[in-house]
Amino acid sequence: MSLALSVLDLVPITSGSTASEALRRTVDLARLADRLGYTRLWFAEHHGMPSIASSSPEVVITHVAGATERIRVGSGGVMLPNHAPLLVAERFHTLEALFPGRIDLGLGRAPGTDPTHIRALRSFDAEQFPHQLAELVTLSRGGFAADHPFADVTVTPGGVSLPPIWLLGSSGASARFAGTNGLGYAFASHFSPTPAAPALRAYREAFAPSEAFPEPHAILAAAVVCAETDAEARRLASTMELAWARIRTGRFETLPSPEEALAHDYSPAEQHAVQLYRQLSVVGDPETVRAELTRRAEAAGADEVMLTTNVFDPAARLRSFELVAEAFDLAPAVAA
């Protein structure tokens, strides 16, 4: 099968480094992905996580889109319950005006954080998501009835429209909604143990063509670590194994080094978490990674796989994306 590859950059903060350093490194990965032929690069919205610096994807999108030429850049995603739809419309109109034809708007239904930060964000009830999405689209296009309170609201800058909208899911609950509304759909297999195939099948069965998506397009996100050998990939992946174990047991810290991870004395609960993470992640040499990503994409019925790679060494992280690109024979694309 012909499989497009993309990147989800969580802007990882490693032990001994700073968020500023992590944010500056996004450009290194963006330029590499642009040169290698990856299709798109997305940034997620997370709050209150010491290991992730992407609390404001719109700002990071601007940062990297200006440093690249071809690759699509977007949110994976903006957590709509945290934002007034008008603000999202204005921000993504602005991005589309600055980088026409290169922006994606991925939206999530969850707040993307813990209850304390949800209160600080004053998040909307996630059950309001369909109403928020309809409001966002109508604000962008215009079309409220004359007696509607927002009838005279104008989204600026004008002269542009919202970028293509993608709905993010991790359980399958949003799949039919995405299909019915003619949206793109991305499934978060990089952290969700829920099988992706039923959700992607429901998305395709419900799909109604739209201007942005004449045909359905489904992305499968995957946690990937690739190195020259399986052994080295496993060593690099130990960073996220310990990080995942800590998160699953209520500890939020910066990403540890492989040395710290390999020396860690795992509790039974942490061992269970590591076993779960190993089932979710794809780790190995280029041949191993290519075979497993291809298998998972075919099993799920995905058009595209979006890789997220969180390791301690920034150089090893870049090398992982290089090796995967080589394994799949990605062709570096010419700038438009």
Protein backbone atom coordinates (compact mmCIF):
# COMPACT_ATOMS: atom_id res chain seq x y z
CA MET A 1 0.00 0.00 0.00
CA SER A 2 1.07 3.59 -0.57
CA LEU A 3 1.45 5.07 2.90
CA ALA A 4 1.97 8.74 3.70
CA LEU A 5 4.04 9.53 6.78
CA SER A 6 3.72 12.55 9.05
CA VAL A 7 5.04 13.83 12.39
CA LEU A 8 3.44 14.61 15.73
CA ASP A 9 5.89 16.70 17.75
CA LEU A 10 5.01 16.80 21.45
CA VAL A 11 7.98 19.15 22.05
CA PRO A 12 9.51 16.87 24.71
CA ILE A 13 11.43 18.38 27.62
CA THR A 14 14.23 16.10 28.77
CA SER A 15 15.85 15.93 32.19
CA GLY A 16 18.49 18.66 32.53
CA SER A 17 17.09 20.74 29.65
CA THR A 18 14.56 23.57 29.50
CA ALA A 19 11.29 24.23 27.73
CA SER A 20 13.01 27.01 25.76
CA GLU A 21 15.54 24.52 24.41
CA ALA A 22 12.76 22.07 23.52
CA LEU A 23 10.85 24.75 21.63
CA ARG A 24 13.94 25.84 19.71
CA ARG A 25 14.56 22.20 18.71
CA THR A 26 11.16 22.04 17.01
CA VAL A 27 12.71 23.86 14.05
CA ASP A 28 15.40 21.19 13.68
CA LEU A 29 12.79 18.46 13.38
CA ALA A 30 10.50 20.57 11.18
CA ARG A 31 13.25 21.34 8.66
CA LEU A 32 14.32 17.69 8.60
CA ALA A 33 10.75 16.45 8.07
CA ASP A 34 10.24 19.08 5.37
CA ARG A 35 13.38 17.95 3.55
CA LEU A 36 12.71 14.21 3.88
CA GLY A 37 9.20 14.30 2.43
CA TYR A 38 6.95 13.87 5.47
CA THR A 39 3.44 15.09 4.67
CA ARG A 40 2.51 17.14 7.73
CA LEU A 41 3.76 18.18 11.16
CA TRP A 42 1.33 18.66 14.03
CA PHE A 43 1.58 20.03 17.56
CA ALA A 44 -0.67 19.01 20.43
CA GLU A 45 -2.17 21.14 23.18
CA HIS A 46 -1.18 19.91 26.65
CA HIS A 47 -1.28 21.82 29.92
CA GLY A 48 0.53 21.24 33.21
CA MET A 49 2.91 18.53 31.93
CA PRO A 50 6.60 19.12 32.77
CA SER A 51 7.69 16.85 29.90
CA ILE A 52 5.73 18.63 27.14
CA ALA A 53 6.27 22.23 26.02
CA SER A 54 3.43 22.51 23.51
CA SER A 55 0.76 24.27 25.55
CA SER A 56 0.09 26.73 22.70
CA PRO A 57 0.14 24.93 19.34
CA GLU A 58 -0.82 28.03 17.34
CA VAL A 59 2.35 29.82 18.47
CA VAL A 60 4.55 26.81 17.70
CA ILE A 61 2.88 26.41 14.29
CA THR A 62 3.87 29.98 13.43
CA HIS A 63 7.38 29.32 14.70
CA VAL A 64 8.00 26.29 12.45
CA ALA A 65 5.87 27.16 9.43
CA GLY A 66 8.04 30.23 8.91
CA ALA A 67 11.16 28.04 8.98
CA THR A 68 9.92 25.47 6.45
CA GLU A 69 8.83 25.54 2.81
CA ARG A 70 6.58 22.63 1.87
CA ILE A 71 5.35 20.55 4.78
CA ARG A 72 1.84 21.14 6.10
CA VAL A 73 1.84 22.38 9.70
CA GLY A 74 -1.05 22.19 12.10
CA SER A 75 -2.59 21.34 15.42
CA GLY A 76 -3.04 17.82 16.65
CA GLY A 77 -4.86 19.31 18.21
CA VAL A 78 -6.44 22.43 19.58
CA MET A 79 -8.64 21.29 22.47
CA LEU A 80 -11.81 23.14 21.52
CA PRO A 81 -13.44 22.99 25.00
CA ASN A 82 -10.62 25.28 26.22
CA HIS A 83 -11.32 28.07 23.70
CA ALA A 84 -14.04 30.36 22.47
CA PRO A 85 -14.77 29.34 18.85
CA LEU A 86 -14.27 32.93 17.66
CA LEU A 87 -10.70 32.96 18.97
CA VAL A 88 -9.92 29.67 17.22
CA ALA A 89 -11.41 31.03 13.99
CA GLU A 90 -9.34 34.22 14.21
CA ARG A 91 -6.10 32.40 15.00
CA PHE A 92 -6.44 29.91 12.17
CA HIS A 93 -7.63 32.52 9.68
CA THR A 94 -4.42 34.36 10.58
CA LEU A 95 -2.29 31.25 10.08
CA GLU A 96 -3.98 30.50 6.76
CA ALA A 97 -3.34 34.09 5.64
CA LEU A 98 0.33 33.81 6.62
CA PHE A 99 0.93 30.32 5.18
CA PRO A 100 -1.78 29.70 2.55
CA GLY A 101 -2.46 26.07 1.75
CA ARG A 102 -0.09 24.72 4.40
CA ILE A 103 -2.14 24.77 7.62
CA ASP A 104 -4.25 22.03 9.23
CA LEU A 105 -6.76 22.53 12.04
CA GLY A 106 -6.96 19.41 14.19
CA LEU A 107 -9.54 19.61 16.98
CA GLY A 108 -9.98 17.55 20.12
CA ARG A 109 -12.99 17.14 22.39
CA ALA A 110 -11.05 16.74 25.66
CA PRO A 111 -9.36 19.53 27.63
CA GLY A 112 -5.98 17.77 27.45
CA THR A 113 -5.06 18.16 31.08
CA ASP A 114 -5.93 17.34 34.69
CA PRO A 115 -8.95 18.62 36.69
CA THR A 116 -6.96 21.40 38.38
CA HIS A 117 -5.85 22.88 35.08
CA ILE A 118 -9.32 22.40 33.61
CA ARG A 119 -10.65 24.69 36.34
CA ALA A 120 -7.91 27.24 35.62
CA LEU A 121 -8.69 27.10 31.90
CA ARG A 122 -12.42 27.51 32.60
CA SER A 123 -13.05 24.82 30.01
CA PHE A 124 -16.44 24.29 28.42
CA ASP A 125 -18.25 21.03 28.98
CA ALA A 126 -16.86 18.62 26.37
CA GLU A 127 -20.45 17.59 25.59
CA GLN A 128 -20.83 21.01 23.97
CA PHE A 129 -18.23 20.12 21.33
CA PRO A 130 -20.68 19.65 18.42
CA HIS A 131 -22.22 23.04 19.16
CA GLN A 132 -18.79 24.66 19.46
CA LEU A 133 -17.63 23.15 16.17
CA ALA A 134 -20.78 24.32 14.37
CA GLU A 135 -20.28 27.79 15.81
CA LEU A 136 -16.63 27.83 14.74
CA VAL A 137 -17.46 26.88 11.15
CA THR A 138 -20.41 29.28 10.88
CA LEU A 139 -18.37 32.16 12.28
CA SER A 140 -15.69 31.51 9.67
CA ARG A 141 -18.07 31.22 6.73
CA GLY A 142 -20.74 33.64 7.89
CA GLY A 143 -24.34 32.57 7.70
CA PHE A 144 -25.91 33.10 11.09
CA ALA A 145 -29.56 34.08 10.84
CA ALA A 146 -30.30 37.79 11.02
CA ASP A 147 -31.77 37.45 14.51
CA HIS A 148 -28.83 35.43 15.87
CA PRO A 149 -26.68 37.20 18.52
CA PHE A 150 -23.58 36.59 16.34
CA ALA A 151 -25.12 37.71 13.05
CA ASP A 152 -22.89 40.79 12.90
CA VAL A 153 -19.70 39.09 14.14
CA THR A 154 -16.88 39.22 11.57
CA VAL A 155 -13.85 36.95 11.72
CA THR A 156 -10.65 38.79 10.89
CA PRO A 157 -8.52 38.58 8.92
CA GLY A 158 -11.04 38.16 6.12
CA GLY A 159 -10.42 36.91 2.62
CA VAL A 160 -9.37 33.45 3.85
CA SER A 161 -11.20 30.43 5.22
CA LEU A 162 -10.48 27.91 7.92
CA PRO A 163 -7.88 25.30 7.03
CA PRO A 164 -9.05 21.68 6.60
CA ILE A 165 -10.54 20.45 9.89
CA TRP A 166 -9.48 17.13 11.39
CA LEU A 167 -11.21 15.52 14.35
CA LEU A 168 -8.99 13.67 16.80
CA GLY A 169 -10.14 10.51 18.55
CA SER A 170 -8.80 7.93 20.98
CA SER A 171 -11.82 5.72 21.64
CA GLY A 172 -13.87 5.74 18.46
CA ALA A 173 -16.62 7.94 19.91
CA SER A 174 -15.90 10.76 17.44
CA ALA A 175 -15.45 8.63 14.31
CA ARG A 176 -18.99 8.74 12.93
CA PHE A 177 -19.30 12.42 13.79
CA ALA A 178 -16.13 13.14 11.77
CA GLY A 179 -17.42 11.13 8.83
CA THR A 180 -20.91 12.59 8.82
CA ASN A 181 -19.49 16.11 8.83
CA GLY A 182 -16.95 15.48 6.06
CA LEU A 183 -13.89 16.00 8.26
CA GLY A 184 -10.53 14.30 8.37
CA TYR A 185 -10.06 11.81 11.21
CA ALA A 186 -6.96 10.98 13.27
CA PHE A 187 -6.81 8.17 15.80
CA ALA A 188 -4.41 8.42 18.76
CA SER A 189 -2.93 4.92 18.87
CA HIS A 190 0.26 6.38 20.33
CA PHE A 191 -1.44 6.40 23.74
CA SER A 192 -4.80 4.66 23.36
CA PRO A 193 -5.05 0.87 23.72
CA THR A 194 -8.44 0.90 21.98
CA PRO A 195 -8.26 -0.89 18.60
CA ALA A 196 -8.27 1.65 15.78
CA ALA A 197 -9.90 -0.47 13.06
CA PRO A 198 -13.53 -0.22 14.28
CA ALA A 199 -13.27 3.56 14.60
CA LEU A 200 -11.75 4.04 11.15
CA ARG A 201 -14.33 1.71 9.65
CA ALA A 202 -17.16 3.67 11.29
CA TYR A 203 -15.62 6.89 9.98
CA ARG A 204 -15.57 5.62 6.40
CA GLU A 205 -19.07 4.16 6.58
CA ALA A 206 -20.49 7.48 7.78
CA PHE A 207 -18.41 9.71 5.49
CA ALA A 208 -20.13 12.44 3.51
CA PRO A 209 -17.89 14.33 1.04
CA SER A 210 -17.07 17.96 1.77
CA GLU A 211 -15.15 20.71 0.02
CA ALA A 212 -12.05 20.09 2.13
CA PHE A 213 -12.37 16.29 2.00
CA PRO A 214 -13.91 14.92 -1.21
CA GLU A 215 -12.87 11.50 0.07
CA PRO A 216 -12.30 10.17 3.60
CA HIS A 217 -8.79 10.45 4.97
CA ALA A 218 -7.77 8.64 8.16
CA ILE A 219 -4.53 9.09 10.09
CA LEU A 220 -3.15 6.55 12.56
CA ALA A 221 -0.82 8.07 15.17
CA ALA A 222 1.93 5.78 16.48
CA ALA A 223 4.73 6.04 19.03
CA VAL A 224 7.91 5.05 17.19
CA VAL A 225 11.58 4.69 18.04
CA CYS A 226 13.89 3.61 15.22
CA ALA A 227 17.65 3.05 15.41
CA GLU A 228 20.28 1.14 13.45
CA THR A 229 19.71 -1.95 15.63
CA ASP A 230 16.81 -3.34 17.63
CA ALA A 231 18.96 -3.26 20.77
CA GLU A 232 19.77 0.44 20.40
CA ALA A 233 16.15 1.28 19.67
CA ARG A 234 15.07 -0.56 22.83
CA ARG A 235 17.67 1.36 24.85
CA LEU A 236 16.40 4.68 23.49
CA ALA A 237 12.79 3.66 24.10
CA SER A 238 13.46 3.03 27.79
CA THR A 239 13.12 6.79 28.30
CA MET A 240 9.43 6.75 27.40
CA GLU A 241 8.85 3.47 29.21
CA LEU A 242 9.84 5.08 32.51
CA ALA A 243 8.04 8.31 31.64
CA TRP A 244 4.88 6.37 30.80
CA ALA A 245 5.15 4.33 34.02
CA ARG A 246 5.44 7.54 36.03
CA ILE A 247 2.47 9.17 34.28
CA ARG A 248 0.30 6.11 34.78
CA THR A 249 1.11 6.12 38.48
CA GLY A 250 0.49 9.85 38.92
CA ARG A 251 4.00 11.29 38.55
CA PHE A 252 4.67 14.00 35.98
CA GLU A 253 8.35 14.74 35.35
CA THR A 254 10.73 15.63 32.52
CA LEU A 255 11.88 12.77 30.27
CA PRO A 256 14.62 10.70 31.93
CA SER A 257 17.81 9.50 30.29
CA PRO A 258 18.13 5.86 29.21
CA GLU A 259 20.69 5.39 31.95
CA GLU A 260 18.19 6.52 34.58
CA ALA A 261 15.44 4.43 33.06
CA LEU A 262 17.51 1.26 32.83
CA ALA A 263 18.69 1.65 36.43
CA HIS A 264 15.18 2.28 37.76
CA ASP A 265 13.67 -0.25 40.18
CA TYR A 266 10.17 -0.66 38.75
CA SER A 267 7.28 -1.33 41.09
CA PRO A 268 4.66 -3.92 40.03
CA ALA A 269 2.31 -1.10 38.96
CA GLU A 270 5.09 0.50 36.92
CA GLN A 271 5.97 -2.84 35.33
CA HIS A 272 2.35 -3.25 34.26
CA ALA A 273 2.38 0.25 32.73
CA VAL A 274 5.59 -0.52 30.82
CA GLN A 275 4.08 -3.70 29.39
CA LEU A 276 1.10 -1.69 28.14
CA TYR A 277 3.36 0.92 26.58
CA ARG A 278 5.40 -1.73 24.79
CA GLN A 279 2.22 -3.03 23.20
CA LEU A 280 1.38 0.46 21.97
CA SER A 281 4.80 1.50 20.68
CA VAL A 282 6.78 0.46 17.58
CA VAL A 283 10.47 0.04 18.41
CA GLY A 284 13.28 -1.47 16.38
CA ASP A 285 15.59 -1.20 13.40
CA PRO A 286 14.31 0.20 10.08
CA GLU A 287 13.11 -3.15 8.73
CA THR A 288 11.26 -3.95 11.97
CA VAL A 289 9.62 -0.52 12.10
CA ARG A 290 8.60 -0.54 8.44
CA ALA A 291 7.00 -3.95 8.72
CA GLU A 292 5.07 -3.17 11.91
CA LEU A 293 3.85 0.27 10.82
CA THR A 294 2.71 -1.19 7.50
CA ARG A 295 0.91 -4.01 9.29
CA ARG A 296 -0.85 -1.64 11.70
CA ALA A 297 -1.88 0.77 8.94
CA GLU A 298 -3.30 -2.04 6.82
CA ALA A 299 -5.13 -3.58 9.78
CA ALA A 300 -6.67 -0.24 10.73
CA GLY A 301 -7.41 0.91 7.18
CA ALA A 302 -5.35 4.10 7.60
CA ASP A 303 -4.27 6.34 4.73
CA GLU A 304 -1.43 7.88 6.69
CA VAL A 305 0.69 7.17 9.76
CA MET A 306 1.75 10.01 12.05
CA LEU A 307 4.87 9.26 14.07
CA THR A 308 5.67 10.65 17.48
CA THR A 309 9.15 9.97 18.82
CA ASN A 310 10.16 10.98 22.33
CA VAL A 311 13.69 10.01 23.29
CA PHE A 312 16.30 11.66 25.48
CA ASP A 313 18.94 12.49 22.87
CA PRO A 314 17.79 15.13 20.31
CA ALA A 315 20.22 13.76 17.70
CA ALA A 316 18.86 10.23 18.14
CA ARG A 317 15.34 11.61 17.74
CA LEU A 318 16.20 13.19 14.40
CA ARG A 319 18.01 10.05 13.30
CA SER A 320 14.91 7.97 14.06
CA PHE A 321 12.87 10.03 11.60
CA GLU A 322 15.65 9.77 9.01
CA LEU A 323 15.77 5.99 9.29
CA VAL A 324 12.00 5.63 8.97
CA ALA A 325 11.98 7.91 5.91
CA GLU A 326 14.70 5.79 4.33
CA ALA A 327 12.88 2.56 5.19
CA PHE A 328 9.73 3.78 3.44
CA ASP A 329 11.63 5.34 0.52
CA LEU A 330 10.08 8.74 1.14
CA ALA A 331 10.81 11.05 -1.75
CA PRO A 332 11.88 14.56 -0.74
CA ALA A 333 9.24 16.86 -2.19
CA VAL A 334 9.90 20.08 -4.05
CA ALA A 335 8.55 23.26 -2.45
CA ALA A 336 5.39 24.58 -4.05
